Amino acid sequence: MSAAENQAPTADRRAPGTQRPVAQPDERALTPAERAVAAGLAPFRARLDEIDAQLVDLLGERFQICREVAVHKAENAIEMMQPGRVEIVRARYLQHGAEVDLPSDFTAGFFDLMIDATCRAEDELMERLAAGEEGASVLCNPVGDKGQKPPHGSVS
């Protein structure tokens, strides 16, 4: 028996109930045709991966700003929901989406999803702050605050 065969299997450190990651194309044997296709798509995929990372970073920044807004609203007895503001930003968002040739149903659906999630996060944080829950204010401390203004199009 070889040394590799004699070793005990390593423990699976994933959380219970999580699935094993799907093998990436470079983790399995590719046919020459598959390698050619992958090579041709690689530059596009690299650009998409970079944009995806930027989107996640921007969404994280947006949620952080919404948490900061929630603190401001809680400290100043301002209602969480500002329907007039939501409508103004929604119209601007849909217009911008049309200008960059996004499908209108996608733009509207994404906006609604984003607003629902950020409003829910604001509401939950404001409730925690009102209840004096310990640690709630930690959620609103800016990470790497650079003194930046909220991005154009934030709703709060």
Protein backbone atom coordinates (compact mmCIF):
# COMPACT_ATOMS: atom_id res chain seq x y z
CA MET A 1 0.00 0.00 0.00
CA SER A 2 1.37 3.43 -0.93
CA ALA A 3 1.77 6.24 1.58
CA ALA A 4 -1.10 8.13 -0.07
CA GLU A 5 -3.42 5.14 0.24
CA ASN A 6 -2.42 4.61 3.88
CA GLN A 7 -3.36 8.15 5.00
CA ALA A 8 -6.62 8.68 6.83
CA PRO A 9 -9.16 10.69 4.89
CA THR A 10 -9.24 14.35 5.80
CA ALA A 11 -12.26 15.63 7.68
CA ASP A 12 -14.89 17.45 5.65
CA ARG A 13 -14.91 20.96 7.14
CA ARG A 14 -18.02 22.20 5.36
CA ALA A 15 -21.08 23.12 7.37
CA PRO A 16 -23.54 20.27 7.76
CA GLY A 17 -25.98 20.13 4.87
CA THR A 18 -23.81 22.03 2.42
CA GLN A 19 -23.04 20.48 -0.90
CA ARG A 20 -19.63 19.79 -2.33
CA PRO A 21 -18.64 22.55 -4.78
CA VAL A 22 -19.21 21.77 -8.44
CA ALA A 23 -15.98 20.98 -10.23
CA GLN A 24 -14.71 23.80 -12.41
CA PRO A 25 -13.84 22.97 -16.01
CA ASP A 26 -10.12 23.18 -15.26
CA GLU A 27 -10.53 20.64 -12.43
CA ARG A 28 -11.51 17.82 -14.76
CA ALA A 29 -10.18 16.45 -18.00
CA LEU A 30 -11.34 18.57 -20.93
CA THR A 31 -11.51 17.37 -24.48
CA PRO A 32 -9.47 19.34 -27.01
CA ALA A 33 -12.70 20.92 -28.28
CA GLU A 34 -13.72 21.95 -24.75
CA ARG A 35 -10.25 23.42 -24.13
CA ALA A 36 -10.55 25.48 -27.33
CA VAL A 37 -13.98 26.77 -26.32
CA ALA A 38 -12.79 27.59 -22.78
CA ALA A 39 -9.72 29.39 -24.14
CA GLY A 40 -11.85 31.48 -26.47
CA LEU A 41 -14.24 32.41 -23.66
CA ALA A 42 -11.55 33.06 -21.03
CA PRO A 43 -11.14 36.81 -21.68
CA PHE A 44 -14.91 37.36 -21.52
CA ARG A 45 -15.23 35.26 -18.40
CA ALA A 46 -12.41 37.16 -16.72
CA ARG A 47 -14.13 40.47 -17.45
CA LEU A 48 -17.47 39.13 -16.17
CA ASP A 49 -15.81 37.81 -13.00
CA GLU A 50 -14.30 41.25 -12.35
CA ILE A 51 -17.65 42.99 -12.90
CA ASP A 52 -19.40 40.48 -10.63
CA ALA A 53 -16.88 41.21 -7.88
CA GLN A 54 -17.41 44.96 -8.34
CA LEU A 55 -21.20 44.52 -8.20
CA VAL A 56 -20.94 42.63 -4.92
CA ASP A 57 -18.59 45.29 -3.51
CA LEU A 58 -20.95 48.09 -4.56
CA LEU A 59 -23.97 46.31 -3.12
CA GLY A 60 -22.07 45.81 0.13
CA GLU A 61 -21.25 49.52 0.19
CA ARG A 62 -24.89 50.36 -0.55
CA PHE A 63 -26.11 48.19 2.34
CA GLN A 64 -23.55 49.80 4.64
CA ILE A 65 -24.81 53.27 3.73
CA CYS A 66 -28.38 52.12 4.36
CA ARG A 67 -27.33 50.91 7.82
CA GLU A 68 -25.83 54.35 8.50
CA VAL A 69 -29.05 55.98 7.28
CA ALA A 70 -31.03 53.71 9.62
CA VAL A 71 -29.01 55.00 12.56
CA HIS A 72 -29.59 58.59 11.49
CA LYS A 73 -33.32 57.96 11.11
CA ALA A 74 -33.49 56.22 14.50
CA GLU A 75 -31.59 59.04 16.21
CA ASN A 76 -33.80 61.70 14.62
CA ALA A 77 -37.21 59.98 14.85
CA ILE A 78 -37.54 59.81 11.06
CA GLU A 79 -39.83 57.18 9.57
CA MET A 80 -37.94 54.36 7.89
CA MET A 81 -40.05 54.34 4.73
CA GLN A 82 -39.86 57.43 2.57
CA PRO A 83 -42.23 56.52 -0.32
CA GLY A 84 -41.73 59.77 -2.22
CA ARG A 85 -37.98 59.23 -2.24
CA VAL A 86 -38.38 55.64 -3.39
CA GLU A 87 -40.53 56.72 -6.35
CA ILE A 88 -38.08 59.44 -7.39
CA VAL A 89 -35.13 57.07 -7.27
CA ARG A 90 -37.08 54.27 -8.99
CA ALA A 91 -37.95 56.54 -11.92
CA ARG A 92 -34.32 57.65 -12.23
CA TYR A 93 -33.12 54.05 -11.97
CA LEU A 94 -35.51 52.85 -14.70
CA GLN A 95 -34.49 55.76 -16.94
CA HIS A 96 -30.79 55.00 -16.48
CA GLY A 97 -31.44 51.31 -17.17
CA ALA A 98 -33.13 52.23 -20.45
CA GLU A 99 -30.21 54.50 -21.37
CA VAL A 100 -27.75 51.61 -21.03
CA ASP A 101 -30.05 49.18 -22.86
CA LEU A 102 -31.08 46.99 -19.94
CA PRO A 103 -34.37 45.12 -20.33
CA SER A 104 -36.99 47.16 -18.46
CA ASP A 105 -38.41 44.13 -16.63
CA PHE A 106 -34.93 43.24 -15.37
CA THR A 107 -34.23 46.81 -14.23
CA ALA A 108 -37.57 47.12 -12.43
CA GLY A 109 -37.25 43.68 -10.82
CA PHE A 110 -33.69 44.29 -9.67
CA PHE A 111 -34.59 47.71 -8.24
CA ASP A 112 -37.58 46.29 -6.38
CA LEU A 113 -35.49 43.41 -4.99
CA MET A 114 -32.73 45.78 -3.89
CA ILE A 115 -35.12 48.27 -2.29
CA ASP A 116 -37.07 45.52 -0.52
CA ALA A 117 -33.85 44.09 0.91
CA THR A 118 -32.35 47.41 1.98
CA CYS A 119 -35.61 48.67 3.48
CA ARG A 120 -35.97 45.41 5.42
CA ALA A 121 -32.38 45.75 6.67
CA GLU A 122 -32.99 49.38 7.68
CA ASP A 123 -36.24 48.50 9.44
CA GLU A 124 -34.67 45.60 11.35
CA LEU A 125 -31.70 47.70 12.45
CA MET A 126 -33.96 50.57 13.54
CA GLU A 127 -36.03 48.12 15.61
CA ARG A 128 -32.88 46.75 17.23
CA LEU A 129 -31.64 50.25 18.00
CA ALA A 130 -35.03 51.27 19.45
CA ALA A 131 -34.97 48.19 21.69
CA GLY A 132 -31.50 49.14 22.87
CA GLU A 133 -30.13 45.83 21.67
CA GLU A 134 -26.48 45.54 22.51
CA GLY A 135 -24.25 45.35 19.46
CA ALA A 136 -26.78 46.85 17.05
CA SER A 137 -24.71 50.01 16.62
CA VAL A 138 -21.70 47.91 15.62
CA LEU A 139 -23.58 47.00 12.45
CA CYS A 140 -23.63 50.59 11.31
CA ASN A 141 -20.00 51.57 11.72
CA PRO A 142 -18.58 52.32 8.29
CA VAL A 143 -15.88 49.94 7.19
CA GLY A 144 -13.00 51.89 5.72
CA ASP A 145 -14.99 55.15 5.82
CA LYS A 146 -13.40 57.43 3.29
CA GLY A 147 -15.71 60.37 3.91
CA GLN A 148 -17.57 59.55 0.72
CA LYS A 149 -21.04 60.78 -0.03
CA PRO A 150 -23.74 58.20 -0.72
CA PRO A 151 -23.58 57.04 -4.34
CA HIS A 152 -25.91 58.66 -6.83
CA GLY A 153 -29.13 56.67 -6.74
CA SER A 154 -29.10 55.49 -3.15
CA VAL A 155 -32.52 55.38 -1.55
CA SER A 156 -32.86 56.25 2.09
